[in-house]
Amino acid sequence: MATEALTLVARRVGCERVSSPQVPGHSRGWREILAEEDAEAIWQRLFTLIESAVPNRRDDCDLITQEIFLHLLATQRLNLYLTEGRSDEEIESDLLSLVSE
């Protein structure tokens, strides 16, 4: 029987500490964060896009973001955006079409 308290192995780090440092005044585009494979930045940018696309369903944004994020990973759509050379605008338009499905 274990009588000792569990030891904390790792603390959760806030989003601002996980993402790559940004150059002041430089906002990374979709292509840049996809090329860097920065999952946290992809999630945050996707969440922001979804939040603006469905303002009347703010409570559902986490769930919608999760569903779309998993769909993008499962279908390798994120890699497709890069290999097809899609622009940031084309990527965002395609993501918005997923929100409306």
PDB file of N, CA and C in Angstrom:
ATOM      1  N   MET A   1       0.848  -1.186   0.000  1.00  0.00           N
ATOM      2  CA  MET A   1       0.000   0.000   0.000  1.00  0.00           C
ATOM      3  C   MET A   1       0.888   1.241   0.000  1.00  0.00           C
ATOM      4  N   ALA A   2       0.607   2.172  -0.890  1.00  0.00           N
ATOM      5  CA  ALA A   2       1.398   3.396  -0.980  1.00  0.00           C
ATOM      6  C   ALA A   2       0.949   4.370   0.097  1.00  0.00           C
ATOM      7  N   THR A   3       1.912   4.840   0.839  1.00  0.00           N
ATOM      8  CA  THR A   3       1.587   5.789   1.900  1.00  0.00           C
ATOM      9  C   THR A   3       2.180   7.156   1.639  1.00  0.00           C
ATOM     10  N   GLU A   4       3.060   7.270   0.659  1.00  0.00           N
ATOM     11  CA  GLU A   4       3.686   8.552   0.360  1.00  0.00           C
ATOM     12  C   GLU A   4       2.877   9.300  -0.697  1.00  0.00           C
ATOM     13  N   ALA A   5       2.954  10.597  -0.631  1.00  0.00           N
ATOM     14  CA  ALA A   5       2.258  11.429  -1.613  1.00  0.00           C
ATOM     15  C   ALA A   5       2.936  11.289  -2.967  1.00  0.00           C
ATOM     16  N   LEU A   6       2.179  11.470  -4.023  1.00  0.00           N
ATOM     17  CA  LEU A   6       2.734  11.418  -5.360  1.00  0.00           C
ATOM     18  C   LEU A   6       3.671  12.594  -5.579  1.00  0.00           C
ATOM     19  N   THR A   7       4.702  12.378  -6.343  1.00  0.00           N
ATOM     20  CA  THR A   7       5.671  13.418  -6.649  1.00  0.00           C
ATOM     21  C   THR A   7       5.279  14.098  -7.949  1.00  0.00           C
ATOM     22  N   LEU A   8       5.300  15.403  -7.942  1.00  0.00           N
ATOM     23  CA  LEU A   8       4.996  16.183  -9.133  1.00  0.00           C
ATOM     24  C   LEU A   8       6.153  16.033 -10.107  1.00  0.00           C
ATOM     25  N   VAL A   9       5.882  15.557 -11.305  1.00  0.00           N
ATOM     26  CA  VAL A   9       6.937  15.320 -12.275  1.00  0.00           C
ATOM     27  C   VAL A   9       7.158  16.540 -13.154  1.00  0.00           C
ATOM     28  N   ALA A  10       6.107  17.080 -13.685  1.00  0.00           N
ATOM     29  CA  ALA A  10       6.233  18.242 -14.564  1.00  0.00           C
ATOM     30  C   ALA A  10       5.047  19.156 -14.345  1.00  0.00           C
ATOM     31  N   ARG A  11       5.321  20.405 -14.366  1.00  0.00           N
ATOM     32  CA  ARG A  11       4.248  21.388 -14.231  1.00  0.00           C
ATOM     33  C   ARG A  11       3.744  21.771 -15.609  1.00  0.00           C
ATOM     34  N   ARG A  12       2.486  22.083 -15.672  1.00  0.00           N
ATOM     35  CA  ARG A  12       1.915  22.531 -16.932  1.00  0.00           C
ATOM     36  C   ARG A  12       2.415  23.941 -17.201  1.00  0.00           C
ATOM     37  N   VAL A  13       2.845  24.150 -18.410  1.00  0.00           N
ATOM     38  CA  VAL A  13       3.401  25.438 -18.802  1.00  0.00           C
ATOM     39  C   VAL A  13       2.332  26.209 -19.554  1.00  0.00           C
ATOM     40  N   GLY A  14       2.222  27.498 -19.277  1.00  0.00           N
ATOM     41  CA  GLY A  14       1.245  28.333 -19.967  1.00  0.00           C
ATOM     42  C   GLY A  14       1.541  28.424 -21.449  1.00  0.00           C
ATOM     43  N   CYS A  15       0.532  28.726 -22.234  1.00  0.00           N
ATOM     44  CA  CYS A  15       0.656  28.789 -23.686  1.00  0.00           C
ATOM     45  C   CYS A  15       1.755  29.740 -24.132  1.00  0.00           C
ATOM     46  N   GLU A  16       1.880  30.852 -23.429  1.00  0.00           N
ATOM     47  CA  GLU A  16       2.852  31.839 -23.843  1.00  0.00           C
ATOM     48  C   GLU A  16       4.282  31.345 -23.688  1.00  0.00           C
ATOM     49  N   ARG A  17       4.500  30.327 -22.879  1.00  0.00           N
ATOM     50  CA  ARG A  17       5.842  29.787 -22.676  1.00  0.00           C
ATOM     51  C   ARG A  17       6.143  28.622 -23.597  1.00  0.00           C
ATOM     52  N   VAL A  18       5.128  28.049 -24.205  1.00  0.00           N
ATOM     53  CA  VAL A  18       5.331  26.867 -25.033  1.00  0.00           C
ATOM     54  C   VAL A  18       5.644  27.246 -26.466  1.00  0.00           C
ATOM     55  N   SER A  19       4.959  28.209 -27.004  1.00  0.00           N
ATOM     56  CA  SER A  19       5.139  28.590 -28.397  1.00  0.00           C
ATOM     57  C   SER A  19       6.511  29.206 -28.618  1.00  0.00           C
ATOM     58  N   SER A  20       6.948  29.114 -29.858  1.00  0.00           N
ATOM     59  CA  SER A  20       8.231  29.696 -30.216  1.00  0.00           C
ATOM     60  C   SER A  20       8.205  31.199 -30.009  1.00  0.00           C
ATOM     61  N   PRO A  21       9.347  31.765 -29.686  1.00  0.00           N
ATOM     62  CA  PRO A  21       9.380  33.214 -29.506  1.00  0.00           C
ATOM     63  C   PRO A  21       9.073  33.914 -30.823  1.00  0.00           C
ATOM     64  N   GLN A  22       8.397  35.025 -30.722  1.00  0.00           N
ATOM     65  CA  GLN A  22       8.041  35.764 -31.922  1.00  0.00           C
ATOM     66  C   GLN A  22       8.842  37.049 -31.977  1.00  0.00           C
ATOM     67  N   VAL A  23       9.156  37.443 -33.197  1.00  0.00           N
ATOM     68  CA  VAL A  23       9.822  38.711 -33.403  1.00  0.00           C
ATOM     69  C   VAL A  23       8.785  39.804 -33.193  1.00  0.00           C
ATOM     70  N   PRO A  24       9.113  40.852 -32.417  1.00  0.00           N
ATOM     71  CA  PRO A  24       8.131  41.915 -32.195  1.00  0.00           C
ATOM     72  C   PRO A  24       7.622  42.484 -33.524  1.00  0.00           C
ATOM     73  N   GLY A  25       6.310  42.622 -33.608  1.00  0.00           N
ATOM     74  CA  GLY A  25       5.683  43.171 -34.808  1.00  0.00           C
ATOM     75  C   GLY A  25       5.528  42.157 -35.933  1.00  0.00           C
ATOM     76  N   HIS A  26       5.898  40.906 -35.679  1.00  0.00           N
ATOM     77  CA  HIS A  26       5.798  39.864 -36.714  1.00  0.00           C
ATOM     78  C   HIS A  26       4.784  38.815 -36.281  1.00  0.00           C
ATOM     79  N   SER A  27       3.705  38.699 -37.039  1.00  0.00           N
ATOM     80  CA  SER A  27       2.698  37.680 -36.770  1.00  0.00           C
ATOM     81  C   SER A  27       2.957  36.523 -37.720  1.00  0.00           C
ATOM     82  N   ARG A  28       3.160  35.338 -37.162  1.00  0.00           N
ATOM     83  CA  ARG A  28       3.435  34.182 -38.005  1.00  0.00           C
ATOM     84  C   ARG A  28       2.167  33.761 -38.734  1.00  0.00           C
ATOM     85  N   GLY A  29       2.306  33.457 -40.006  1.00  0.00           N
ATOM     86  CA  GLY A  29       1.179  33.020 -40.819  1.00  0.00           C
ATOM     87  C   GLY A  29       0.984  31.520 -40.708  1.00  0.00           C
ATOM     88  N   TRP A  30      -0.094  31.043 -41.333  1.00  0.00           N
ATOM     89  CA  TRP A  30      -0.405  29.615 -41.306  1.00  0.00           C
ATOM     90  C   TRP A  30       0.744  28.786 -41.846  1.00  0.00           C
ATOM     91  N   ARG A  31       1.288  29.176 -42.997  1.00  0.00           N
ATOM     92  CA  ARG A  31       2.361  28.398 -43.608  1.00  0.00           C
ATOM     93  C   ARG A  31       3.572  28.297 -42.676  1.00  0.00           C
ATOM     94  N   GLU A  32       3.882  29.370 -42.017  1.00  0.00           N
ATOM     95  CA  GLU A  32       5.043  29.384 -41.122  1.00  0.00           C
ATOM     96  C   GLU A  32       4.842  28.455 -39.925  1.00  0.00           C
ATOM     97  N   ILE A  33       3.674  28.533 -39.286  1.00  0.00           N
ATOM     98  CA  ILE A  33       3.477  27.669 -38.114  1.00  0.00           C
ATOM     99  C   ILE A  33       3.305  26.201 -38.513  1.00  0.00           C
ATOM    100  N   LEU A  34       2.764  25.957 -39.709  1.00  0.00           N
ATOM    101  CA  LEU A  34       2.664  24.574 -40.182  1.00  0.00           C
ATOM    102  C   LEU A  34       4.048  24.012 -40.500  1.00  0.00           C
ATOM    103  N   ALA A  35       4.895  24.815 -41.132  1.00  0.00           N
ATOM    104  CA  ALA A  35       6.252  24.377 -41.464  1.00  0.00           C
ATOM    105  C   ALA A  35       7.060  24.092 -40.199  1.00  0.00           C
ATOM    106  N   GLU A  36       6.821  24.881 -39.156  1.00  0.00           N
ATOM    107  CA  GLU A  36       7.527  24.688 -37.892  1.00  0.00           C
ATOM    108  C   GLU A  36       6.941  23.550 -37.069  1.00  0.00           C
ATOM    109  N   GLU A  37       5.787  23.041 -37.508  1.00  0.00           N
ATOM    110  CA  GLU A  37       5.076  21.980 -36.788  1.00  0.00           C
ATOM    111  C   GLU A  37       4.845  22.363 -35.327  1.00  0.00           C
ATOM    112  N   ASP A  38       4.452  23.613 -35.134  1.00  0.00           N
ATOM    113  CA  ASP A  38       4.202  24.160 -33.799  1.00  0.00           C
ATOM    114  C   ASP A  38       2.741  23.889 -33.429  1.00  0.00           C
ATOM    115  N   ALA A  39       2.511  22.743 -32.791  1.00  0.00           N
ATOM    116  CA  ALA A  39       1.142  22.312 -32.484  1.00  0.00           C
ATOM    117  C   ALA A  39       0.398  23.323 -31.621  1.00  0.00           C
ATOM    118  N   GLU A  40       1.069  23.910 -30.666  1.00  0.00           N
ATOM    119  CA  GLU A  40       0.415  24.886 -29.787  1.00  0.00           C
ATOM    120  C   GLU A  40      -0.019  26.124 -30.576  1.00  0.00           C
ATOM    121  N   ALA A  41       0.838  26.600 -31.459  1.00  0.00           N
ATOM    122  CA  ALA A  41       0.494  27.765 -32.275  1.00  0.00           C
ATOM    123  C   ALA A  41      -0.630  27.433 -33.257  1.00  0.00           C
ATOM    124  N   ILE A  42      -0.599  26.223 -33.821  1.00  0.00           N
ATOM    125  CA  ILE A  42      -1.669  25.798 -34.732  1.00  0.00           C
ATOM    126  C   ILE A  42      -2.993  25.767 -33.984  1.00  0.00           C
ATOM    127  N   TRP A  43      -2.992  25.170 -32.788  1.00  0.00           N
ATOM    128  CA  TRP A  43      -4.208  25.087 -31.967  1.00  0.00           C
ATOM    129  C   TRP A  43      -4.737  26.485 -31.645  1.00  0.00           C
ATOM    130  N   GLN A  44      -3.859  27.373 -31.181  1.00  0.00           N
ATOM    131  CA  GLN A  44      -4.287  28.721 -30.789  1.00  0.00           C
ATOM    132  C   GLN A  44      -4.847  29.491 -31.976  1.00  0.00           C
ATOM    133  N   ARG A  45      -4.171  29.396 -33.102  1.00  0.00           N
ATOM    134  CA  ARG A  45      -4.641  30.116 -34.289  1.00  0.00           C
ATOM    135  C   ARG A  45      -5.965  29.540 -34.781  1.00  0.00           C
ATOM    136  N   LEU A  46      -6.091  28.212 -34.753  1.00  0.00           N
ATOM    137  CA  LEU A  46      -7.339  27.556 -35.153  1.00  0.00           C
ATOM    138  C   LEU A  46      -8.472  27.936 -34.206  1.00  0.00           C
ATOM    139  N   PHE A  47      -8.202  27.939 -32.908  1.00  0.00           N
ATOM    140  CA  PHE A  47      -9.215  28.314 -31.927  1.00  0.00           C
ATOM    141  C   PHE A  47      -9.689  29.748 -32.167  1.00  0.00           C
ATOM    142  N   THR A  48      -8.758  30.658 -32.419  1.00  0.00           N
ATOM    143  CA  THR A  48      -9.112  32.058 -32.674  1.00  0.00           C
ATOM    144  C   THR A  48      -9.972  32.180 -33.930  1.00  0.00           C
ATOM    145  N   LEU A  49      -9.619  31.417 -34.966  1.00  0.00           N
ATOM    146  CA  LEU A  49     -10.400  31.429 -36.203  1.00  0.00           C
ATOM    147  C   LEU A  49     -11.814  30.919 -35.956  1.00  0.00           C
ATOM    148  N   ILE A  50     -11.926  29.830 -35.244  1.00  0.00           N
ATOM    149  CA  ILE A  50     -13.237  29.242 -34.950  1.00  0.00           C
ATOM    150  C   ILE A  50     -14.056  30.167 -34.065  1.00  0.00           C
ATOM    151  N   GLU A  51     -13.426  30.758 -33.083  1.00  0.00           N
ATOM    152  CA  GLU A  51     -14.111  31.680 -32.180  1.00  0.00           C
ATOM    153  C   GLU A  51     -14.710  32.855 -32.950  1.00  0.00           C
ATOM    154  N   SER A  52     -13.993  33.336 -33.968  1.00  0.00           N
ATOM    155  CA  SER A  52     -14.522  34.454 -34.761  1.00  0.00           C
ATOM    156  C   SER A  52     -15.585  33.991 -35.758  1.00  0.00           C
ATOM    157  N   ALA A  53     -15.511  32.713 -36.163  1.00  0.00           N
ATOM    158  CA  ALA A  53     -16.454  32.193 -37.152  1.00  0.00           C
ATOM    159  C   ALA A  53     -17.791  31.790 -36.547  1.00  0.00           C
ATOM    160  N   VAL A  54     -17.798  31.428 -35.264  1.00  0.00           N
ATOM    161  CA  VAL A  54     -19.031  30.995 -34.598  1.00  0.00           C
ATOM    162  C   VAL A  54     -19.240  31.783 -33.302  1.00  0.00           C
ATOM    163  N   PRO A  55     -19.429  33.090 -33.409  1.00  0.00           N
ATOM    164  CA  PRO A  55     -19.528  33.909 -32.198  1.00  0.00           C
ATOM    165  C   PRO A  55     -20.716  33.560 -31.298  1.00  0.00           C
ATOM    166  N   ASN A  56     -21.755  33.003 -31.877  1.00  0.00           N
ATOM    167  CA  ASN A  56     -22.930  32.655 -31.073  1.00  0.00           C
ATOM    168  C   ASN A  56     -22.793  31.286 -30.402  1.00  0.00           C
ATOM    169  N   ARG A  57     -21.664  30.601 -30.621  1.00  0.00           N
ATOM    170  CA  ARG A  57     -21.434  29.281 -30.015  1.00  0.00           C
ATOM    171  C   ARG A  57     -20.099  29.245 -29.282  1.00  0.00           C
ATOM    172  N   ARG A  58     -19.767  30.318 -28.599  1.00  0.00           N
ATOM    173  CA  ARG A  58     -18.476  30.416 -27.910  1.00  0.00           C
ATOM    174  C   ARG A  58     -18.221  29.259 -26.954  1.00  0.00           C
ATOM    175  N   ASP A  59     -19.268  28.759 -26.322  1.00  0.00           N
ATOM    176  CA  ASP A  59     -19.099  27.646 -25.375  1.00  0.00           C
ATOM    177  C   ASP A  59     -18.634  26.371 -26.076  1.00  0.00           C
ATOM    178  N   ASP A  60     -18.885  26.267 -27.374  1.00  0.00           N
ATOM    179  CA  ASP A  60     -18.527  25.068 -28.134  1.00  0.00           C
ATOM    180  C   ASP A  60     -17.162  25.175 -28.821  1.00  0.00           C
ATOM    181  N   CYS A  61     -16.489  26.314 -28.698  1.00  0.00           N
ATOM    182  CA  CYS A  61     -15.244  26.538 -29.446  1.00  0.00           C
ATOM    183  C   CYS A  61     -14.168  25.511 -29.135  1.00  0.00           C
ATOM    184  N   ASP A  62     -14.009  25.135 -27.881  1.00  0.00           N
ATOM    185  CA  ASP A  62     -13.003  24.122 -27.536  1.00  0.00           C
ATOM    186  C   ASP A  62     -13.297  22.802 -28.236  1.00  0.00           C
ATOM    187  N   LEU A  63     -14.536  22.377 -28.182  1.00  0.00           N
ATOM    188  CA  LEU A  63     -14.924  21.108 -28.792  1.00  0.00           C
ATOM    189  C   LEU A  63     -14.774  21.151 -30.312  1.00  0.00           C
ATOM    190  N   ILE A  64     -15.217  22.229 -30.928  1.00  0.00           N
ATOM    191  CA  ILE A  64     -15.105  22.372 -32.384  1.00  0.00           C
ATOM    192  C   ILE A  64     -13.639  22.396 -32.792  1.00  0.00           C
ATOM    193  N   THR A  65     -12.819  23.144 -32.045  1.00  0.00           N
ATOM    194  CA  THR A  65     -11.386  23.210 -32.332  1.00  0.00           C
ATOM    195  C   THR A  65     -10.764  21.821 -32.237  1.00  0.00           C
ATOM    196  N   GLN A  66     -11.116  21.090 -31.204  1.00  0.00           N
ATOM    197  CA  GLN A  66     -10.569  19.752 -31.030  1.00  0.00           C
ATOM    198  C   GLN A  66     -10.958  18.834 -32.186  1.00  0.00           C
ATOM    199  N   GLU A  67     -12.216  18.875 -32.566  1.00  0.00           N
ATOM    200  CA  GLU A  67     -12.685  18.013 -33.659  1.00  0.00           C
ATOM    201  C   GLU A  67     -11.971  18.334 -34.968  1.00  0.00           C
ATOM    202  N   ILE A  68     -11.844  19.616 -35.275  1.00  0.00           N
ATOM    203  CA  ILE A  68     -11.190  20.008 -36.524  1.00  0.00           C
ATOM    204  C   ILE A  68      -9.699  19.713 -36.467  1.00  0.00           C
ATOM    205  N   PHE A  69      -9.062  19.984 -35.337  1.00  0.00           N
ATOM    206  CA  PHE A  69      -7.634  19.716 -35.179  1.00  0.00           C
ATOM    207  C   PHE A  69      -7.344  18.227 -35.399  1.00  0.00           C
ATOM    208  N   LEU A  70      -8.138  17.370 -34.779  1.00  0.00           N
ATOM    209  CA  LEU A  70      -7.949  15.931 -34.939  1.00  0.00           C
ATOM    210  C   LEU A  70      -8.219  15.493 -36.381  1.00  0.00           C
ATOM    211  N   HIS A  71      -9.225  16.087 -37.002  1.00  0.00           N
ATOM    212  CA  HIS A  71      -9.523  15.779 -38.405  1.00  0.00           C
ATOM    213  C   HIS A  71      -8.336  16.168 -39.294  1.00  0.00           C
ATOM    214  N   LEU A  72      -7.759  17.335 -39.043  1.00  0.00           N
ATOM    215  CA  LEU A  72      -6.617  17.793 -39.833  1.00  0.00           C
ATOM    216  C   LEU A  72      -5.424  16.852 -39.689  1.00  0.00           C
ATOM    217  N   LEU A  73      -5.200  16.373 -38.467  1.00  0.00           N
ATOM    218  CA  LEU A  73      -4.098  15.445 -38.240  1.00  0.00           C
ATOM    219  C   LEU A  73      -4.366  14.084 -38.885  1.00  0.00           C
ATOM    220  N   ALA A  74      -5.578  13.574 -38.693  1.00  0.00           N
ATOM    221  CA  ALA A  74      -5.918  12.240 -39.197  1.00  0.00           C
ATOM    222  C   ALA A  74      -5.880  12.169 -40.724  1.00  0.00           C
ATOM    223  N   THR A  75      -6.238  13.256 -41.373  1.00  0.00           N
ATOM    224  CA  THR A  75      -6.277  13.268 -42.838  1.00  0.00           C
ATOM    225  C   THR A  75      -4.994  13.828 -43.449  1.00  0.00           C
ATOM    226  N   GLN A  76      -4.049  14.209 -42.615  1.00  0.00           N
ATOM    227  CA  GLN A  76      -2.781  14.814 -43.042  1.00  0.00           C
ATOM    228  C   GLN A  76      -2.994  16.054 -43.900  1.00  0.00           C
ATOM    229  N   ARG A  77      -4.079  16.719 -43.617  1.00  0.00           N
ATOM    230  CA  ARG A  77      -4.438  17.914 -44.391  1.00  0.00           C
ATOM    231  C   ARG A  77      -3.444  19.050 -44.161  1.00  0.00           C
ATOM    232  N   LEU A  78      -2.869  19.112 -42.959  1.00  0.00           N
ATOM    233  CA  LEU A  78      -1.902  20.168 -42.668  1.00  0.00           C
ATOM    234  C   LEU A  78      -0.680  20.047 -43.577  1.00  0.00           C
ATOM    235  N   ASN A  79      -0.211  18.820 -43.794  1.00  0.00           N
ATOM    236  CA  ASN A  79       0.919  18.602 -44.708  1.00  0.00           C
ATOM    237  C   ASN A  79       0.530  18.933 -46.143  1.00  0.00           C
ATOM    238  N   LEU A  80      -0.692  18.618 -46.489  1.00  0.00           N
ATOM    239  CA  LEU A  80      -1.191  18.886 -47.834  1.00  0.00           C
ATOM    240  C   LEU A  80      -1.147  20.380 -48.151  1.00  0.00           C
ATOM    241  N   TYR A  81      -1.503  21.204 -47.178  1.00  0.00           N
ATOM    242  CA  TYR A  81      -1.461  22.657 -47.386  1.00  0.00           C
ATOM    243  C   TYR A  81      -0.066  23.099 -47.812  1.00  0.00           C
ATOM    244  N   LEU A  82       0.942  22.531 -47.178  1.00  0.00           N
ATOM    245  CA  LEU A  82       2.319  22.917 -47.495  1.00  0.00           C
ATOM    246  C   LEU A  82       2.779  22.341 -48.830  1.00  0.00           C
ATOM    247  N   THR A  83       2.496  21.063 -49.062  1.00  0.00           N
ATOM    248  CA  THR A  83       2.960  20.437 -50.302  1.00  0.00           C
ATOM    249  C   THR A  83       2.269  21.022 -51.535  1.00  0.00           C
ATOM    250  N   GLU A  84       1.029  21.458 -51.369  1.00  0.00           N
ATOM    251  CA  GLU A  84       0.317  22.086 -52.489  1.00  0.00           C
ATOM    252  C   GLU A  84       0.679  23.564 -52.639  1.00  0.00           C
ATOM    253  N   GLY A  85       1.431  24.085 -51.671  1.00  0.00           N
ATOM    254  CA  GLY A  85       1.846  25.481 -51.742  1.00  0.00           C
ATOM    255  C   GLY A  85       0.712  26.469 -51.533  1.00  0.00           C
ATOM    256  N   ARG A  86      -0.258  26.082 -50.729  1.00  0.00           N
ATOM    257  CA  ARG A  86      -1.400  26.974 -50.486  1.00  0.00           C
ATOM    258  C   ARG A  86      -0.970  28.216 -49.709  1.00  0.00           C
ATOM    259  N   SER A  87      -1.620  29.314 -50.018  1.00  0.00           N
ATOM    260  CA  SER A  87      -1.342  30.570 -49.318  1.00  0.00           C
ATOM    261  C   SER A  87      -2.059  30.563 -47.968  1.00  0.00           C
ATOM    262  N   ASP A  88      -1.684  31.497 -47.106  1.00  0.00           N
ATOM    263  CA  ASP A  88      -2.349  31.630 -45.804  1.00  0.00           C
ATOM    264  C   ASP A  88      -3.847  31.844 -45.987  1.00  0.00           C
ATOM    265  N   GLU A  89      -4.221  32.642 -46.982  1.00  0.00           N
ATOM    266  CA  GLU A  89      -5.632  32.922 -47.232  1.00  0.00           C
ATOM    267  C   GLU A  89      -6.377  31.667 -47.678  1.00  0.00           C
ATOM    268  N   GLU A  90      -5.745  30.862 -48.528  1.00  0.00           N
ATOM    269  CA  GLU A  90      -6.376  29.620 -48.994  1.00  0.00           C
ATOM    270  C   GLU A  90      -6.523  28.620 -47.833  1.00  0.00           C
ATOM    271  N   ILE A  91      -5.517  28.557 -46.986  1.00  0.00           N
ATOM    272  CA  ILE A  91      -5.585  27.658 -45.825  1.00  0.00           C
ATOM    273  C   ILE A  91      -6.723  28.079 -44.915  1.00  0.00           C
ATOM    274  N   GLU A  92      -6.785  29.365 -44.622  1.00  0.00           N
ATOM    275  CA  GLU A  92      -7.838  29.864 -43.731  1.00  0.00           C
ATOM    276  C   GLU A  92      -9.218  29.644 -44.328  1.00  0.00           C
ATOM    277  N   SER A  93      -9.353  29.846 -45.615  1.00  0.00           N
ATOM    278  CA  SER A  93     -10.645  29.622 -46.279  1.00  0.00           C
ATOM    279  C   SER A  93     -11.053  28.156 -46.174  1.00  0.00           C
ATOM    280  N   ASP A  94     -10.104  27.255 -46.373  1.00  0.00           N
ATOM    281  CA  ASP A  94     -10.406  25.827 -46.277  1.00  0.00           C
ATOM    282  C   ASP A  94     -10.783  25.461 -44.846  1.00  0.00           C
ATOM    283  N   LEU A  95     -10.085  26.018 -43.875  1.00  0.00           N
ATOM    284  CA  LEU A  95     -10.414  25.739 -42.472  1.00  0.00           C
ATOM    285  C   LEU A  95     -11.811  26.243 -42.129  1.00  0.00           C
ATOM    286  N   LEU A  96     -12.161  27.407 -42.633  1.00  0.00           N
ATOM    287  CA  LEU A  96     -13.502  27.948 -42.385  1.00  0.00           C
ATOM    288  C   LEU A  96     -14.569  27.049 -43.017  1.00  0.00           C
ATOM    289  N   SER A  97     -14.246  26.436 -44.148  1.00  0.00           N
ATOM    290  CA  SER A  97     -15.227  25.522 -44.755  1.00  0.00           C
ATOM    291  C   SER A  97     -15.447  24.300 -43.859  1.00  0.00           C
ATOM    292  N   LEU A  98     -14.432  23.884 -43.117  1.00  0.00           N
ATOM    293  CA  LEU A  98     -14.587  22.764 -42.185  1.00  0.00           C
ATOM    294  C   LEU A  98     -15.478  23.149 -41.002  1.00  0.00           C
ATOM    295  N   VAL A  99     -15.389  24.397 -40.594  1.00  0.00           N
ATOM    296  CA  VAL A  99     -16.210  24.876 -39.469  1.00  0.00           C
ATOM    297  C   VAL A  99     -17.688  24.826 -39.843  1.00  0.00           C
ATOM    298  N   SER A 100     -17.985  25.146 -41.099  1.00  0.00           N
ATOM    299  CA  SER A 100     -19.392  25.203 -41.515  1.00  0.00           C
ATOM    300  C   SER A 100     -19.982  23.843 -41.838  1.00  0.00           C
ATOM    301  N   GLU A 101     -19.161  22.789 -41.865  1.00  0.00           N
ATOM    302  CA  GLU A 101     -19.680  21.451 -42.177  1.00  0.00           C
ATOM    303  C   GLU A 101     -20.467  20.892 -41.031  1.00  0.00           C
TER     304      GLU A 101
END
